[in-house]
Amino acid sequence: MGVRDINLTDSNLIYIVVCSYKDDFFIKIGRTKNLYQRIKNIQTGSPHQITNIFVVFSEFGEEIYGLESVFHKLIDQYKMKGEWYLGSEDFFMLFDSILIRVNSGSLGELVFENEDNFSYDEVEILFHTHNYSFSEIEMPIESNDLLLSTQLLKPNDICRRIQEQKGISKLN
C-alpha cells in the first residue's frame, strides 16, 4: 500500500505500541498529538523494548478521542493494567473486527448493546463510514521531525508484522 509522512509532534493519532518479552506481546493503546514524546515516555516506563509501533491517523481530534475510547471499552477483557493489553490472536481478531465495523459504519450494534457504557462523544464516529488503516512506524524513532511510515496496513496485517519482527509464529 502507500507511504505516509506523519508529523510526530502535531498529528491526531491512535497508537498501538508493542513490547515483547519471551513469547508474550504487550500492547499499549492510546492517543496523542505528539507521537515522538509519547513513545519516548512509554519506552522509559516499560521494562521491555518496544518492537513495533502502529498508528491510525485522522485530521479530526474528536474522531481519535471517540475511536480510542470505543476501542478501550470493547477490548476490556484483554486488559492487564491501565492501557496495557495482552496481545493474542483473539485480541487482534477482535481489534480487527472493531476497526472494520467502524470503517463500514456498522459498529453501532456492539455499542448499543451496552449503551450505558458509552457517551455520545465517544460514539459520534459510528455515524459515519471511514477508511481507517494502520501505518507502521519505522523503528527506531530518533528525531521529532516528519516520520515516514513504510506501509499502510489493514488491521489483520498487524499480527503478521509482529511475528516477523519477533521471528516466531505464535500469532496467526
N, C-alpha and C. Protein backbone atom coordinates (compact mmCIF):
# COMPACT_ATOMS: atom_id res chain seq x y z
N MET A 1 0.84 -1.17 0.00
CA MET A 1 0.00 0.00 0.00
C MET A 1 0.89 1.24 0.00
N GLY A 2 0.32 2.37 0.29
CA GLY A 2 1.03 3.63 0.17
C GLY A 2 1.94 3.93 1.34
N VAL A 3 2.63 5.07 1.21
CA VAL A 3 3.53 5.56 2.25
C VAL A 3 2.99 6.91 2.70
N ARG A 4 3.14 7.22 3.97
CA ARG A 4 2.60 8.46 4.50
C ARG A 4 3.65 9.15 5.36
N ASP A 5 3.74 10.48 5.22
CA ASP A 5 4.54 11.28 6.13
C ASP A 5 3.69 11.64 7.32
N ILE A 6 4.21 11.44 8.52
CA ILE A 6 3.48 11.73 9.74
C ILE A 6 4.28 12.74 10.54
N ASN A 7 3.65 13.84 10.87
CA ASN A 7 4.29 14.83 11.72
C ASN A 7 4.26 14.30 13.15
N LEU A 8 5.41 14.00 13.70
CA LEU A 8 5.48 13.36 15.02
C LEU A 8 5.06 14.25 16.17
N THR A 9 5.03 15.55 15.96
CA THR A 9 4.72 16.44 17.08
C THR A 9 3.40 17.17 16.92
N ASP A 10 2.64 16.89 15.83
CA ASP A 10 1.38 17.58 15.65
C ASP A 10 0.45 16.80 14.72
N SER A 11 0.07 15.60 15.13
CA SER A 11 -0.86 14.77 14.37
C SER A 11 -1.83 14.11 15.34
N ASN A 12 -3.09 13.97 14.93
CA ASN A 12 -4.08 13.27 15.75
C ASN A 12 -3.95 11.78 15.47
N LEU A 13 -3.46 11.03 16.46
CA LEU A 13 -3.15 9.62 16.25
C LEU A 13 -3.66 8.74 17.38
N ILE A 14 -4.06 7.55 17.01
CA ILE A 14 -4.15 6.46 17.97
C ILE A 14 -2.91 5.63 17.73
N TYR A 15 -2.20 5.30 18.80
CA TYR A 15 -1.00 4.48 18.64
C TYR A 15 -1.23 3.11 19.26
N ILE A 16 -0.57 2.16 18.66
CA ILE A 16 -0.50 0.80 19.19
C ILE A 16 0.98 0.51 19.34
N VAL A 17 1.42 0.38 20.56
CA VAL A 17 2.82 0.09 20.85
C VAL A 17 2.90 -1.37 21.27
N VAL A 18 3.84 -2.08 20.70
CA VAL A 18 4.03 -3.49 21.01
C VAL A 18 5.37 -3.67 21.69
N CYS A 19 5.33 -4.27 22.87
CA CYS A 19 6.56 -4.67 23.57
C CYS A 19 6.50 -6.19 23.67
N SER A 20 7.61 -6.82 23.45
CA SER A 20 7.60 -8.28 23.57
C SER A 20 8.58 -8.70 24.65
N TYR A 21 8.20 -9.79 25.30
CA TYR A 21 9.05 -10.40 26.32
C TYR A 21 8.85 -11.89 26.22
N LYS A 22 9.91 -12.59 25.92
CA LYS A 22 9.85 -14.03 25.67
C LYS A 22 8.82 -14.26 24.57
N ASP A 23 7.78 -15.06 24.85
CA ASP A 23 6.77 -15.34 23.83
C ASP A 23 5.51 -14.49 23.97
N ASP A 24 5.52 -13.50 24.84
CA ASP A 24 4.33 -12.67 25.07
C ASP A 24 4.46 -11.32 24.39
N PHE A 25 3.31 -10.78 24.04
CA PHE A 25 3.22 -9.47 23.43
C PHE A 25 2.37 -8.60 24.32
N PHE A 26 2.88 -7.44 24.67
CA PHE A 26 2.15 -6.50 25.49
C PHE A 26 1.84 -5.29 24.61
N ILE A 27 0.59 -4.90 24.61
CA ILE A 27 0.09 -3.89 23.69
C ILE A 27 -0.39 -2.69 24.50
N LYS A 28 0.04 -1.52 24.12
CA LYS A 28 -0.46 -0.29 24.73
C LYS A 28 -1.18 0.49 23.64
N ILE A 29 -2.40 0.89 23.96
CA ILE A 29 -3.22 1.65 23.02
C ILE A 29 -3.54 2.98 23.66
N GLY A 30 -3.33 4.04 22.92
CA GLY A 30 -3.65 5.36 23.43
C GLY A 30 -3.76 6.35 22.29
N ARG A 31 -3.91 7.62 22.65
CA ARG A 31 -3.99 8.67 21.64
C ARG A 31 -3.02 9.78 22.01
N THR A 32 -2.56 10.47 21.01
CA THR A 32 -1.62 11.55 21.24
C THR A 32 -1.60 12.49 20.05
N LYS A 33 -1.13 13.67 20.27
CA LYS A 33 -0.81 14.60 19.19
C LYS A 33 0.70 14.67 18.98
N ASN A 34 1.47 14.17 19.95
CA ASN A 34 2.93 14.22 19.87
C ASN A 34 3.48 12.81 20.04
N LEU A 35 3.52 12.07 18.95
CA LEU A 35 3.94 10.67 19.00
C LEU A 35 5.38 10.52 19.46
N TYR A 36 6.23 11.40 19.01
CA TYR A 36 7.64 11.30 19.38
C TYR A 36 7.81 11.33 20.91
N GLN A 37 7.21 12.31 21.56
CA GLN A 37 7.34 12.43 23.02
C GLN A 37 6.65 11.27 23.73
N ARG A 38 5.50 10.86 23.22
CA ARG A 38 4.74 9.77 23.86
C ARG A 38 5.54 8.47 23.81
N ILE A 39 6.15 8.17 22.69
CA ILE A 39 6.92 6.93 22.56
C ILE A 39 8.13 6.98 23.49
N LYS A 40 8.79 8.11 23.57
CA LYS A 40 9.91 8.24 24.50
C LYS A 40 9.46 7.95 25.93
N ASN A 41 8.30 8.50 26.33
CA ASN A 41 7.79 8.27 27.68
C ASN A 41 7.42 6.81 27.92
N ILE A 42 6.80 6.18 26.94
CA ILE A 42 6.41 4.78 27.08
C ILE A 42 7.65 3.90 27.23
N GLN A 43 8.67 4.13 26.39
CA GLN A 43 9.87 3.31 26.46
C GLN A 43 10.57 3.49 27.81
N THR A 44 10.59 4.71 28.31
CA THR A 44 11.21 4.97 29.61
C THR A 44 10.51 4.20 30.71
N GLY A 45 9.17 4.10 30.64
CA GLY A 45 8.40 3.43 31.69
C GLY A 45 8.20 1.95 31.48
N SER A 46 8.65 1.41 30.37
CA SER A 46 8.43 -0.01 30.08
C SER A 46 9.69 -0.82 30.36
N PRO A 47 9.53 -1.96 31.02
CA PRO A 47 10.69 -2.82 31.25
C PRO A 47 11.12 -3.59 30.01
N HIS A 48 10.29 -3.55 28.96
CA HIS A 48 10.56 -4.30 27.74
C HIS A 48 10.75 -3.36 26.56
N GLN A 49 11.56 -3.78 25.62
CA GLN A 49 11.85 -2.98 24.43
C GLN A 49 10.62 -2.88 23.54
N ILE A 50 10.35 -1.69 23.01
CA ILE A 50 9.30 -1.52 22.02
C ILE A 50 9.77 -2.15 20.73
N THR A 51 8.96 -3.05 20.18
CA THR A 51 9.35 -3.74 18.94
C THR A 51 8.58 -3.24 17.73
N ASN A 52 7.37 -2.75 17.92
CA ASN A 52 6.55 -2.27 16.81
C ASN A 52 5.72 -1.08 17.28
N ILE A 53 5.46 -0.17 16.35
CA ILE A 53 4.54 0.93 16.59
C ILE A 53 3.64 1.04 15.37
N PHE A 54 2.35 1.07 15.62
CA PHE A 54 1.37 1.26 14.57
C PHE A 54 0.51 2.46 14.96
N VAL A 55 0.05 3.23 13.97
CA VAL A 55 -0.80 4.37 14.26
C VAL A 55 -1.99 4.41 13.31
N VAL A 56 -3.09 4.96 13.80
CA VAL A 56 -4.24 5.31 12.98
C VAL A 56 -4.32 6.82 13.01
N PHE A 57 -4.38 7.43 11.86
CA PHE A 57 -4.34 8.88 11.73
C PHE A 57 -5.72 9.42 11.37
N SER A 58 -6.04 10.59 11.89
CA SER A 58 -7.23 11.32 11.47
C SER A 58 -6.93 12.81 11.53
N GLU A 59 -7.54 13.55 10.64
CA GLU A 59 -7.42 15.01 10.69
C GLU A 59 -8.19 15.58 11.87
N PHE A 60 -9.11 14.82 12.41
CA PHE A 60 -10.04 15.33 13.42
C PHE A 60 -9.77 14.70 14.77
N GLY A 61 -9.36 15.51 15.73
CA GLY A 61 -9.07 15.03 17.07
C GLY A 61 -10.25 14.36 17.74
N GLU A 62 -11.47 14.84 17.48
CA GLU A 62 -12.64 14.23 18.12
C GLU A 62 -12.87 12.80 17.63
N GLU A 63 -12.50 12.52 16.39
CA GLU A 63 -12.61 11.14 15.90
C GLU A 63 -11.63 10.24 16.65
N ILE A 64 -10.43 10.72 16.84
CA ILE A 64 -9.42 9.94 17.54
C ILE A 64 -9.85 9.70 18.99
N TYR A 65 -10.38 10.73 19.64
CA TYR A 65 -10.88 10.58 21.00
C TYR A 65 -11.96 9.51 21.06
N GLY A 66 -12.93 9.59 20.17
CA GLY A 66 -14.03 8.63 20.16
C GLY A 66 -13.57 7.23 19.85
N LEU A 67 -12.72 7.09 18.84
CA LEU A 67 -12.25 5.78 18.44
C LEU A 67 -11.44 5.12 19.54
N GLU A 68 -10.54 5.87 20.16
CA GLU A 68 -9.74 5.30 21.25
C GLU A 68 -10.63 4.85 22.41
N SER A 69 -11.59 5.66 22.76
CA SER A 69 -12.47 5.34 23.87
C SER A 69 -13.30 4.08 23.59
N VAL A 70 -13.81 3.99 22.37
CA VAL A 70 -14.59 2.81 21.98
C VAL A 70 -13.70 1.56 22.00
N PHE A 71 -12.49 1.66 21.46
CA PHE A 71 -11.57 0.53 21.49
C PHE A 71 -11.34 0.05 22.92
N HIS A 72 -11.01 0.97 23.81
CA HIS A 72 -10.72 0.58 25.19
C HIS A 72 -11.90 -0.15 25.83
N LYS A 73 -13.09 0.32 25.59
CA LYS A 73 -14.25 -0.31 26.21
C LYS A 73 -14.58 -1.67 25.60
N LEU A 74 -14.36 -1.82 24.30
CA LEU A 74 -14.71 -3.08 23.66
C LEU A 74 -13.64 -4.17 23.79
N ILE A 75 -12.41 -3.81 24.11
CA ILE A 75 -11.35 -4.81 24.27
C ILE A 75 -10.97 -4.99 25.74
N ASP A 76 -11.80 -4.51 26.62
CA ASP A 76 -11.52 -4.52 28.05
C ASP A 76 -11.17 -5.92 28.60
N GLN A 77 -11.72 -6.96 28.01
CA GLN A 77 -11.47 -8.32 28.51
C GLN A 77 -10.00 -8.73 28.41
N TYR A 78 -9.22 -8.03 27.59
CA TYR A 78 -7.80 -8.36 27.44
C TYR A 78 -6.89 -7.45 28.25
N LYS A 79 -7.49 -6.55 29.02
CA LYS A 79 -6.70 -5.56 29.77
C LYS A 79 -5.88 -6.24 30.85
N MET A 80 -4.64 -5.78 30.95
CA MET A 80 -3.76 -6.24 32.02
C MET A 80 -3.70 -5.19 33.11
N LYS A 81 -3.29 -3.97 32.73
CA LYS A 81 -3.18 -2.87 33.68
C LYS A 81 -3.19 -1.56 32.89
N GLY A 82 -3.98 -0.58 33.35
CA GLY A 82 -4.03 0.70 32.65
C GLY A 82 -4.46 0.52 31.21
N GLU A 83 -3.65 1.01 30.30
CA GLU A 83 -3.94 0.87 28.87
C GLU A 83 -3.10 -0.23 28.23
N TRP A 84 -2.62 -1.18 29.03
CA TRP A 84 -1.82 -2.30 28.52
C TRP A 84 -2.69 -3.54 28.39
N TYR A 85 -2.52 -4.23 27.27
CA TYR A 85 -3.31 -5.42 26.95
C TYR A 85 -2.37 -6.56 26.59
N LEU A 86 -2.82 -7.77 26.81
CA LEU A 86 -2.07 -8.95 26.39
C LEU A 86 -2.44 -9.23 24.94
N GLY A 87 -1.46 -9.12 24.06
CA GLY A 87 -1.71 -9.32 22.63
C GLY A 87 -1.74 -10.80 22.31
N SER A 88 -2.88 -11.25 21.87
CA SER A 88 -3.06 -12.65 21.47
C SER A 88 -3.77 -12.65 20.12
N GLU A 89 -3.88 -13.80 19.54
CA GLU A 89 -4.60 -13.90 18.27
C GLU A 89 -6.04 -13.42 18.45
N ASP A 90 -6.70 -13.82 19.54
CA ASP A 90 -8.07 -13.38 19.79
C ASP A 90 -8.16 -11.87 19.96
N PHE A 91 -7.19 -11.29 20.66
CA PHE A 91 -7.16 -9.84 20.84
C PHE A 91 -7.12 -9.14 19.49
N PHE A 92 -6.20 -9.57 18.61
CA PHE A 92 -6.07 -8.91 17.32
C PHE A 92 -7.27 -9.17 16.41
N MET A 93 -7.88 -10.33 16.52
CA MET A 93 -9.09 -10.59 15.72
C MET A 93 -10.21 -9.65 16.15
N LEU A 94 -10.37 -9.46 17.46
CA LEU A 94 -11.39 -8.53 17.95
C LEU A 94 -11.07 -7.11 17.52
N PHE A 95 -9.83 -6.71 17.68
CA PHE A 95 -9.41 -5.36 17.29
C PHE A 95 -9.67 -5.13 15.81
N ASP A 96 -9.34 -6.10 14.99
CA ASP A 96 -9.57 -6.03 13.55
C ASP A 96 -11.06 -5.88 13.26
N SER A 97 -11.90 -6.69 13.90
CA SER A 97 -13.33 -6.62 13.64
C SER A 97 -13.92 -5.28 14.07
N ILE A 98 -13.41 -4.71 15.15
CA ILE A 98 -13.88 -3.39 15.58
C ILE A 98 -13.55 -2.35 14.52
N LEU A 99 -12.32 -2.35 14.04
CA LEU A 99 -11.92 -1.35 13.06
C LEU A 99 -12.69 -1.52 11.75
N ILE A 100 -12.91 -2.75 11.33
CA ILE A 100 -13.69 -3.00 10.11
C ILE A 100 -15.10 -2.46 10.27
N ARG A 101 -15.69 -2.68 11.44
CA ARG A 101 -17.05 -2.18 11.69
C ARG A 101 -17.08 -0.65 11.77
N VAL A 102 -16.06 -0.06 12.36
CA VAL A 102 -16.01 1.41 12.40
C VAL A 102 -15.93 1.94 10.96
N ASN A 103 -15.06 1.35 10.14
CA ASN A 103 -14.91 1.82 8.77
C ASN A 103 -16.21 1.72 7.98
N SER A 104 -16.98 0.67 8.23
CA SER A 104 -18.22 0.47 7.47
C SER A 104 -19.42 1.16 8.10
N GLY A 105 -19.23 1.76 9.27
CA GLY A 105 -20.35 2.41 9.96
C GLY A 105 -21.29 1.44 10.65
N SER A 106 -20.83 0.19 10.90
CA SER A 106 -21.72 -0.83 11.49
C SER A 106 -21.31 -1.25 12.89
N LEU A 107 -20.57 -0.41 13.59
CA LEU A 107 -20.17 -0.74 14.96
C LEU A 107 -21.29 -0.48 15.95
N GLY A 108 -22.28 0.28 15.54
CA GLY A 108 -23.36 0.68 16.44
C GLY A 108 -24.01 -0.44 17.20
N GLU A 109 -24.24 -1.58 16.56
CA GLU A 109 -24.92 -2.68 17.25
C GLU A 109 -24.13 -3.17 18.46
N LEU A 110 -22.80 -3.24 18.35
CA LEU A 110 -21.99 -3.64 19.51
C LEU A 110 -22.06 -2.62 20.63
N VAL A 111 -22.01 -1.35 20.26
CA VAL A 111 -22.02 -0.29 21.26
C VAL A 111 -23.39 -0.17 21.91
N PHE A 112 -24.44 -0.22 21.10
CA PHE A 112 -25.77 -0.01 21.65
C PHE A 112 -26.25 -1.17 22.51
N GLU A 113 -25.64 -2.33 22.39
CA GLU A 113 -25.93 -3.43 23.31
C GLU A 113 -25.52 -3.06 24.73
N ASN A 114 -24.52 -2.21 24.85
CA ASN A 114 -24.00 -1.75 26.14
C ASN A 114 -24.03 -0.23 26.20
N GLU A 115 -25.12 0.37 25.77
CA GLU A 115 -25.15 1.82 25.60
C GLU A 115 -24.89 2.60 26.87
N ASP A 116 -25.15 2.02 28.04
CA ASP A 116 -24.88 2.74 29.29
C ASP A 116 -23.39 2.98 29.50
N ASN A 117 -22.54 2.23 28.82
CA ASN A 117 -21.09 2.38 28.97
C ASN A 117 -20.49 3.45 28.07
N PHE A 118 -21.27 4.02 27.16
CA PHE A 118 -20.73 4.94 26.16
C PHE A 118 -21.44 6.28 26.21
N SER A 119 -20.67 7.34 25.95
CA SER A 119 -21.24 8.68 25.84
C SER A 119 -21.42 9.02 24.36
N TYR A 120 -22.20 10.04 24.10
CA TYR A 120 -22.41 10.48 22.72
C TYR A 120 -21.09 10.86 22.07
N ASP A 121 -20.24 11.57 22.80
CA ASP A 121 -18.95 11.99 22.24
C ASP A 121 -18.10 10.81 21.80
N GLU A 122 -18.20 9.70 22.52
CA GLU A 122 -17.41 8.52 22.17
C GLU A 122 -17.93 7.84 20.91
N VAL A 123 -19.24 7.84 20.72
CA VAL A 123 -19.82 7.06 19.63
C VAL A 123 -20.19 7.90 18.41
N GLU A 124 -19.91 9.19 18.45
CA GLU A 124 -20.23 10.04 17.31
C GLU A 124 -19.59 9.52 16.04
N ILE A 125 -18.41 8.92 16.15
CA ILE A 125 -17.71 8.39 14.97
C ILE A 125 -18.48 7.23 14.32
N LEU A 126 -19.41 6.63 15.04
CA LEU A 126 -20.14 5.49 14.50
C LEU A 126 -21.15 5.88 13.43
N PHE A 127 -21.45 7.15 13.34
CA PHE A 127 -22.49 7.59 12.42
C PHE A 127 -21.94 7.93 11.03
N HIS A 128 -20.70 7.62 10.78
CA HIS A 128 -20.06 7.89 9.51
C HIS A 128 -19.25 6.67 9.08
N THR A 129 -19.07 6.51 7.78
CA THR A 129 -18.12 5.49 7.34
C THR A 129 -16.73 6.14 7.29
N HIS A 130 -15.71 5.32 7.42
CA HIS A 130 -14.34 5.79 7.46
C HIS A 130 -13.46 4.87 6.63
N ASN A 131 -12.23 5.26 6.45
CA ASN A 131 -11.26 4.41 5.78
C ASN A 131 -9.99 4.36 6.62
N TYR A 132 -10.16 4.04 7.89
CA TYR A 132 -9.01 3.95 8.78
C TYR A 132 -8.15 2.75 8.41
N SER A 133 -6.87 2.95 8.42
CA SER A 133 -5.93 1.85 8.31
C SER A 133 -4.73 2.20 9.18
N PHE A 134 -3.92 1.22 9.44
CA PHE A 134 -2.77 1.42 10.30
C PHE A 134 -1.55 1.76 9.45
N SER A 135 -0.75 2.64 9.98
CA SER A 135 0.57 2.89 9.42
C SER A 135 1.57 2.28 10.39
N GLU A 136 2.55 1.57 9.86
CA GLU A 136 3.60 1.06 10.72
C GLU A 136 4.73 2.06 10.72
N ILE A 137 5.19 2.42 11.89
CA ILE A 137 6.23 3.41 12.05
C ILE A 137 7.59 2.72 12.05
N GLU A 138 8.51 3.26 11.28
CA GLU A 138 9.85 2.69 11.23
C GLU A 138 10.54 2.89 12.58
N MET A 139 11.20 1.86 13.04
CA MET A 139 11.93 1.91 14.30
C MET A 139 13.42 1.98 13.99
N PRO A 140 14.24 2.56 14.79
CA PRO A 140 13.87 3.33 15.98
C PRO A 140 13.46 4.74 15.61
N ILE A 141 12.71 5.38 16.48
CA ILE A 141 12.36 6.78 16.31
C ILE A 141 13.51 7.59 16.89
N GLU A 142 14.16 8.37 16.05
CA GLU A 142 15.36 9.07 16.50
C GLU A 142 15.25 10.58 16.48
N SER A 143 14.21 11.11 15.88
CA SER A 143 14.08 12.57 15.84
C SER A 143 12.63 12.95 15.99
N ASN A 144 12.36 14.23 16.15
CA ASN A 144 10.98 14.66 16.27
C ASN A 144 10.53 15.41 15.01
N ASP A 145 11.08 15.04 13.88
CA ASP A 145 10.68 15.60 12.59
C ASP A 145 9.57 14.73 11.99
N LEU A 146 9.35 14.90 10.68
CA LEU A 146 8.40 14.03 10.00
C LEU A 146 8.92 12.60 10.01
N LEU A 147 8.02 11.68 10.17
CA LEU A 147 8.39 10.27 10.20
C LEU A 147 7.74 9.58 9.03
N LEU A 148 8.49 8.80 8.34
CA LEU A 148 7.98 8.10 7.18
C LEU A 148 7.48 6.73 7.60
N SER A 149 6.22 6.48 7.30
CA SER A 149 5.65 5.17 7.55
C SER A 149 5.90 4.31 6.31
N THR A 150 6.34 3.08 6.52
CA THR A 150 6.71 2.24 5.39
C THR A 150 5.50 1.67 4.66
N GLN A 151 4.41 1.45 5.36
CA GLN A 151 3.24 0.83 4.74
C GLN A 151 1.98 1.27 5.44
N LEU A 152 0.89 1.24 4.70
CA LEU A 152 -0.42 1.32 5.32
C LEU A 152 -0.92 -0.11 5.42
N LEU A 153 -1.35 -0.50 6.59
CA LEU A 153 -1.72 -1.88 6.85
C LEU A 153 -3.18 -2.00 7.24
N LYS A 154 -3.78 -3.07 6.84
CA LYS A 154 -5.09 -3.42 7.37
C LYS A 154 -4.86 -4.05 8.73
N PRO A 155 -5.84 -3.98 9.61
CA PRO A 155 -5.62 -4.47 10.98
C PRO A 155 -5.11 -5.91 11.07
N ASN A 156 -5.60 -6.80 10.21
CA ASN A 156 -5.17 -8.20 10.33
C ASN A 156 -3.71 -8.40 9.93
N ASP A 157 -3.10 -7.38 9.30
CA ASP A 157 -1.68 -7.47 8.97
C ASP A 157 -0.78 -7.24 10.19
N ILE A 158 -1.34 -6.66 11.24
CA ILE A 158 -0.53 -6.33 12.42
C ILE A 158 0.05 -7.60 13.05
N CYS A 159 -0.76 -8.63 13.20
CA CYS A 159 -0.27 -9.90 13.78
C CYS A 159 0.92 -10.42 12.98
N ARG A 160 0.79 -10.40 11.68
CA ARG A 160 1.87 -10.90 10.82
C ARG A 160 3.13 -10.06 11.00
N ARG A 161 2.99 -8.74 11.08
CA ARG A 161 4.15 -7.87 11.24
C ARG A 161 4.85 -8.11 12.58
N ILE A 162 4.06 -8.33 13.63
CA ILE A 162 4.64 -8.61 14.94
C ILE A 162 5.40 -9.93 14.90
N GLN A 163 4.83 -10.93 14.27
CA GLN A 163 5.50 -12.22 14.12
C GLN A 163 6.83 -12.06 13.40
N GLU A 164 6.81 -11.32 12.30
CA GLU A 164 8.03 -11.13 11.52
C GLU A 164 9.11 -10.45 12.37
N GLN A 165 8.73 -9.46 13.13
CA GLN A 165 9.67 -8.73 13.97
C GLN A 165 10.28 -9.65 15.02
N LYS A 166 9.44 -10.49 15.59
CA LYS A 166 9.88 -11.37 16.67
C LYS A 166 10.52 -12.63 16.13
N GLY A 167 10.18 -13.01 14.89
CA GLY A 167 10.77 -14.20 14.30
C GLY A 167 10.15 -15.48 14.82
N ILE A 168 8.89 -15.42 15.22
CA ILE A 168 8.20 -16.63 15.69
C ILE A 168 6.85 -16.73 15.00
N SER A 169 6.17 -17.82 15.24
CA SER A 169 4.85 -17.99 14.64
C SER A 169 3.79 -18.24 15.71
N LYS A 170 3.85 -17.48 16.78
CA LYS A 170 2.86 -17.64 17.86
C LYS A 170 1.49 -17.16 17.41
N LEU A 171 1.42 -16.01 16.72
CA LEU A 171 0.16 -15.44 16.28
C LEU A 171 -0.04 -15.77 14.81
N ASN A 172 -1.28 -15.98 14.42
CA ASN A 172 -1.58 -16.27 13.01
C ASN A 172 -2.37 -15.14 12.42
